[in-house]
Protein backbone atom coordinates (compact mmCIF):
# COMPACT_ATOMS: atom_id res chain seq x y z
CA MET A 1 -23.07 -35.79 -33.87
CA SER A 2 -19.39 -35.19 -33.19
CA VAL A 3 -19.25 -35.09 -37.44
CA ARG A 4 -21.63 -31.49 -37.31
CA LEU A 5 -19.37 -29.74 -35.22
CA PRO A 6 -16.89 -28.76 -37.17
CA ALA A 7 -19.34 -28.46 -40.54
CA ALA A 8 -21.21 -25.91 -38.38
CA GLY A 9 -18.01 -24.22 -37.12
CA LEU A 10 -16.95 -23.70 -41.36
CA VAL A 11 -20.26 -22.66 -41.92
CA ALA A 12 -20.53 -19.66 -39.28
CA ALA A 13 -16.75 -18.68 -40.26
CA VAL A 14 -17.62 -18.69 -44.12
CA LEU A 15 -20.91 -16.35 -42.90
CA ALA A 16 -19.23 -14.09 -40.93
CA LEU A 17 -16.42 -13.50 -42.89
CA GLY A 18 -18.94 -12.91 -46.24
CA SER A 19 -20.53 -10.56 -44.37
CA VAL A 20 -17.37 -8.48 -43.62
CA MET A 21 -16.30 -8.82 -46.84
CA SER A 22 -19.46 -7.60 -48.72
CA GLY A 23 -19.97 -4.57 -47.20
CA PRO A 24 -22.80 -3.10 -45.50
CA ALA A 25 -24.65 -2.90 -49.11
CA MET A 26 -24.56 -6.50 -49.44
CA ALA A 27 -24.91 -7.39 -45.92
CA LYS A 28 -28.42 -5.68 -45.58
CA GLY A 29 -31.38 -8.10 -45.02
CA CYS A 30 -28.82 -10.89 -45.08
CA LEU A 31 -27.63 -11.81 -41.41
CA LYS A 32 -31.39 -11.43 -40.17
CA GLY A 33 -32.30 -13.93 -43.09
CA ALA A 34 -29.98 -16.42 -42.97
CA ALA A 35 -30.35 -16.84 -39.19
CA VAL A 36 -34.25 -17.25 -39.70
CA GLY A 37 -33.53 -18.95 -42.97
CA GLY A 38 -31.12 -21.46 -41.27
CA VAL A 39 -33.56 -22.28 -37.85
CA ALA A 40 -36.15 -22.86 -40.06
CA GLY A 41 -34.11 -24.84 -42.22
CA HIS A 42 -32.95 -27.04 -39.13
CA VAL A 43 -36.30 -27.69 -37.78
CA ALA A 44 -37.83 -28.31 -41.03
CA GLY A 45 -35.32 -31.28 -41.41
CA HIS A 46 -31.89 -30.84 -40.62
CA HIS A 47 -30.79 -28.36 -43.86
CA GLY A 48 -30.17 -25.32 -41.51
CA VAL A 49 -27.06 -24.24 -44.03
CA MET A 50 -29.58 -24.37 -47.40
CA GLY A 51 -32.44 -22.94 -45.18
CA ALA A 52 -29.60 -20.12 -44.41
CA ALA A 53 -28.63 -19.43 -47.78
CA ALA A 54 -31.95 -19.57 -49.17
CA GLY A 55 -33.06 -16.72 -46.31
CA CYS A 56 -29.71 -14.81 -46.67
CA ALA A 57 -31.34 -14.62 -50.32
CA VAL A 58 -34.93 -13.56 -49.45
CA GLY A 59 -33.57 -10.93 -46.44
CA HIS A 60 -31.58 -9.44 -49.19
CA HIS A 61 -34.09 -9.28 -51.73
CA GLU A 62 -36.87 -7.64 -48.84
CA ALA A 63 -34.34 -4.79 -48.11
CA ASN A 64 -33.65 -3.65 -51.56
CA LYS A 65 -37.56 -3.65 -51.85
CA LYS A 66 -37.46 -1.55 -48.69
CA ALA A 67 -34.83 0.68 -49.38
CA ALA A 68 -36.13 1.28 -52.74
CA ALA A 69 -40.24 1.74 -52.02
CA ALA A 70 -37.99 4.14 -49.28
CA ALA A 71 -36.70 6.10 -51.79
CA ASN A 72 -39.41 6.89 -54.07
CA PRO A 73 -41.79 7.28 -51.95
CA PRO A 74 -46.09 7.10 -52.80
CA GLY A 75 -47.53 10.09 -53.00
């Protein structure tokens, strides 16, 4: 168990640094998606990092879709 703790700290530091460096446009949806994906990946078989990466991509995609829909309202 002590081997995973430094890896988790490193992943958290990289995610935090990436969200700060990418700015608000890239981080939109990523943090929420990464949190949900990380938990889901961990529960599904200790693949939290892969789940967080996939969740970030999906969350960013969904945020872009929502922003595009808001910019072009139907009517």
